[in-house]
N, C-alpha and C. Protein backbone atom coordinates (compact mmCIF):
# COMPACT_ATOMS: atom_id res chain seq x y z
N MET A 1 43.25 -15.40 7.34
CA MET A 1 42.46 -15.43 6.13
C MET A 1 42.44 -16.84 5.54
N LYS A 2 43.57 -17.55 5.65
CA LYS A 2 43.63 -18.91 5.11
C LYS A 2 42.66 -19.83 5.83
N VAL A 3 42.58 -19.66 7.14
CA VAL A 3 41.68 -20.51 7.92
C VAL A 3 40.23 -20.22 7.55
N PHE A 4 39.91 -18.96 7.35
CA PHE A 4 38.55 -18.57 6.97
C PHE A 4 38.17 -19.17 5.62
N LEU A 5 39.09 -19.12 4.64
CA LEU A 5 38.80 -19.68 3.32
C LEU A 5 38.59 -21.19 3.40
N LYS A 6 39.38 -21.87 4.22
CA LYS A 6 39.21 -23.31 4.37
C LYS A 6 37.90 -23.63 5.10
N LEU A 7 37.52 -22.80 6.05
CA LEU A 7 36.26 -23.00 6.75
C LEU A 7 35.08 -22.82 5.79
N VAL A 8 35.12 -21.79 4.98
CA VAL A 8 34.04 -21.56 4.01
C VAL A 8 33.99 -22.70 3.00
N ALA A 9 35.15 -23.17 2.55
CA ALA A 9 35.19 -24.29 1.61
C ALA A 9 34.58 -25.54 2.24
N SER A 10 34.86 -25.78 3.50
CA SER A 10 34.30 -26.94 4.19
C SER A 10 32.78 -26.84 4.32
N VAL A 11 32.29 -25.66 4.60
CA VAL A 11 30.84 -25.45 4.70
C VAL A 11 30.18 -25.67 3.33
N LEU A 12 30.82 -25.20 2.28
CA LEU A 12 30.26 -25.39 0.94
C LEU A 12 30.21 -26.87 0.57
N VAL A 13 31.22 -27.62 0.94
CA VAL A 13 31.22 -29.06 0.67
C VAL A 13 30.10 -29.73 1.46
N ALA A 14 29.89 -29.32 2.70
CA ALA A 14 28.82 -29.90 3.51
C ALA A 14 27.44 -29.60 2.89
N ILE A 15 27.25 -28.39 2.41
CA ILE A 15 25.98 -28.05 1.76
C ILE A 15 25.79 -28.86 0.49
N GLY A 16 26.86 -29.01 -0.30
CA GLY A 16 26.77 -29.81 -1.52
C GLY A 16 26.44 -31.26 -1.22
N ALA A 17 27.05 -31.81 -0.16
CA ALA A 17 26.75 -33.19 0.22
C ALA A 17 25.29 -33.33 0.66
N PHE A 18 24.78 -32.33 1.36
CA PHE A 18 23.38 -32.36 1.76
C PHE A 18 22.45 -32.32 0.54
N LEU A 19 22.81 -31.54 -0.48
CA LEU A 19 21.99 -31.48 -1.69
C LEU A 19 21.97 -32.84 -2.40
N ILE A 20 23.11 -33.50 -2.46
CA ILE A 20 23.15 -34.83 -3.08
C ILE A 20 22.33 -35.82 -2.25
N TYR A 21 22.44 -35.72 -0.92
CA TYR A 21 21.63 -36.57 -0.04
C TYR A 21 20.14 -36.33 -0.30
N ALA A 22 19.75 -35.08 -0.46
CA ALA A 22 18.34 -34.75 -0.69
C ALA A 22 17.84 -35.36 -2.00
N VAL A 23 18.68 -35.34 -3.03
CA VAL A 23 18.29 -35.94 -4.32
C VAL A 23 18.13 -37.45 -4.17
N ILE A 24 19.10 -38.09 -3.51
CA ILE A 24 19.01 -39.55 -3.33
C ILE A 24 17.78 -39.91 -2.51
N HIS A 25 17.52 -39.16 -1.46
CA HIS A 25 16.35 -39.43 -0.62
C HIS A 25 15.06 -39.23 -1.41
N ALA A 26 15.00 -38.20 -2.24
CA ALA A 26 13.79 -37.94 -3.02
C ALA A 26 13.56 -39.03 -4.07
N VAL A 27 14.64 -39.49 -4.69
CA VAL A 27 14.50 -40.54 -5.71
C VAL A 27 13.99 -41.83 -5.08
N LEU A 28 14.46 -42.14 -3.89
CA LEU A 28 14.06 -43.39 -3.24
C LEU A 28 12.72 -43.29 -2.51
N SER A 29 12.13 -42.10 -2.43
CA SER A 29 10.86 -41.96 -1.72
C SER A 29 9.71 -42.49 -2.58
N ALA A 30 8.56 -42.64 -1.95
CA ALA A 30 7.40 -43.20 -2.65
C ALA A 30 6.91 -42.29 -3.77
N GLY A 31 6.96 -41.00 -3.57
CA GLY A 31 6.47 -40.07 -4.58
C GLY A 31 7.46 -39.81 -5.70
N GLY A 32 8.70 -40.17 -5.49
CA GLY A 32 9.72 -39.92 -6.51
C GLY A 32 10.20 -38.48 -6.46
N ALA A 33 11.16 -38.20 -7.29
CA ALA A 33 11.74 -36.86 -7.32
C ALA A 33 11.25 -36.12 -8.56
N ARG A 34 11.09 -34.83 -8.43
CA ARG A 34 10.78 -34.02 -9.60
C ARG A 34 12.08 -33.81 -10.37
N PRO A 35 12.11 -34.16 -11.65
CA PRO A 35 13.37 -34.13 -12.40
C PRO A 35 14.05 -32.76 -12.43
N GLY A 36 13.28 -31.71 -12.59
CA GLY A 36 13.86 -30.37 -12.65
C GLY A 36 14.55 -29.98 -11.36
N VAL A 37 13.91 -30.31 -10.25
CA VAL A 37 14.48 -29.98 -8.95
C VAL A 37 15.73 -30.81 -8.69
N ALA A 38 15.67 -32.09 -9.05
CA ALA A 38 16.82 -32.97 -8.84
C ALA A 38 18.03 -32.51 -9.66
N VAL A 39 17.80 -32.14 -10.90
CA VAL A 39 18.89 -31.66 -11.75
C VAL A 39 19.44 -30.35 -11.19
N GLY A 40 18.58 -29.50 -10.71
CA GLY A 40 19.02 -28.23 -10.12
C GLY A 40 19.86 -28.45 -8.87
N TYR A 41 19.46 -29.40 -8.04
CA TYR A 41 20.23 -29.69 -6.83
C TYR A 41 21.60 -30.25 -7.17
N VAL A 42 21.65 -31.16 -8.14
CA VAL A 42 22.94 -31.74 -8.53
C VAL A 42 23.83 -30.67 -9.15
N ALA A 43 23.26 -29.82 -9.99
CA ALA A 43 24.05 -28.73 -10.59
C ALA A 43 24.56 -27.78 -9.50
N GLY A 44 23.72 -27.47 -8.53
CA GLY A 44 24.13 -26.62 -7.42
C GLY A 44 25.25 -27.25 -6.61
N ALA A 45 25.15 -28.56 -6.39
CA ALA A 45 26.21 -29.26 -5.64
C ALA A 45 27.52 -29.23 -6.41
N LEU A 46 27.46 -29.38 -7.73
CA LEU A 46 28.68 -29.32 -8.54
C LEU A 46 29.31 -27.93 -8.50
N VAL A 47 28.49 -26.90 -8.58
CA VAL A 47 29.00 -25.53 -8.52
C VAL A 47 29.62 -25.26 -7.15
N LEU A 48 28.94 -25.68 -6.09
CA LEU A 48 29.49 -25.49 -4.75
C LEU A 48 30.81 -26.24 -4.58
N GLY A 49 30.90 -27.43 -5.15
CA GLY A 49 32.14 -28.19 -5.09
C GLY A 49 33.27 -27.49 -5.82
N PHE A 50 32.97 -26.93 -7.00
CA PHE A 50 33.99 -26.20 -7.75
C PHE A 50 34.47 -24.97 -6.99
N VAL A 51 33.54 -24.24 -6.40
CA VAL A 51 33.90 -23.05 -5.63
C VAL A 51 34.72 -23.44 -4.40
N ALA A 52 34.34 -24.54 -3.76
CA ALA A 52 35.08 -25.00 -2.57
C ALA A 52 36.51 -25.38 -2.93
N VAL A 53 36.70 -26.08 -4.04
CA VAL A 53 38.05 -26.45 -4.46
C VAL A 53 38.86 -25.19 -4.78
N SER A 54 38.24 -24.24 -5.44
CA SER A 54 38.93 -22.99 -5.76
C SER A 54 39.36 -22.25 -4.50
N LEU A 55 38.47 -22.17 -3.52
CA LEU A 55 38.81 -21.50 -2.26
C LEU A 55 39.91 -22.25 -1.51
N TRP A 56 39.83 -23.57 -1.51
CA TRP A 56 40.83 -24.36 -0.80
C TRP A 56 42.21 -24.17 -1.42
N ARG A 57 42.25 -24.20 -2.75
CA ARG A 57 43.54 -24.00 -3.43
C ARG A 57 44.06 -22.58 -3.26
N LYS A 58 43.16 -21.62 -3.18
CA LYS A 58 43.57 -20.23 -3.00
C LYS A 58 44.19 -20.03 -1.62
N SER A 59 43.76 -20.81 -0.64
CA SER A 59 44.29 -20.66 0.71
C SER A 59 45.61 -21.39 0.90
N ALA A 60 45.97 -22.27 -0.03
CA ALA A 60 47.22 -23.03 0.09
C ALA A 60 48.41 -22.14 -0.26
N PRO A 61 49.56 -22.37 0.37
CA PRO A 61 50.74 -21.57 0.03
C PRO A 61 51.18 -21.84 -1.41
N ARG A 62 51.64 -20.81 -2.06
CA ARG A 62 52.09 -20.93 -3.44
C ARG A 62 53.50 -21.51 -3.47
N ALA A 63 53.73 -22.36 -4.46
CA ALA A 63 55.07 -22.92 -4.64
C ALA A 63 55.93 -21.88 -5.37
N LYS A 64 57.16 -21.76 -4.94
CA LYS A 64 58.06 -20.82 -5.59
C LYS A 64 58.54 -21.40 -6.91
N ALA A 65 58.75 -20.54 -7.88
CA ALA A 65 59.22 -20.98 -9.19
C ALA A 65 60.66 -21.47 -9.04
N PRO A 66 60.98 -22.58 -9.69
CA PRO A 66 62.34 -23.09 -9.58
C PRO A 66 63.33 -22.14 -10.28
N THR A 67 64.51 -22.03 -9.72
CA THR A 67 65.52 -21.18 -10.35
C THR A 67 66.23 -21.98 -11.44
N PRO A 68 66.59 -21.34 -12.53
CA PRO A 68 67.27 -22.05 -13.60
C PRO A 68 68.62 -22.58 -13.13
N ALA A 69 69.00 -23.73 -13.69
CA ALA A 69 70.28 -24.34 -13.32
C ALA A 69 71.44 -23.47 -13.78
N GLY A 70 72.44 -23.37 -12.98
CA GLY A 70 73.62 -22.59 -13.34
C GLY A 70 73.51 -21.11 -13.02
N SER A 71 72.46 -20.72 -12.31
CA SER A 71 72.30 -19.30 -11.96
C SER A 71 72.93 -19.00 -10.64
């Protein structure tokens, strides 16, 4: 399950990077970028990044709580 979560997180990061690439490419093109679409792509990339970080952290082993001194 941990490997699957990390795989999904990696795919989400790749999709987010592609969305950012699409915005940069559209801005630099001759016709320019439509502002609404560009903002939507950037917002989507941010959401995908947040979900990817959450999945990656969920797949990591949990640290055990330290025991109190003198116990």
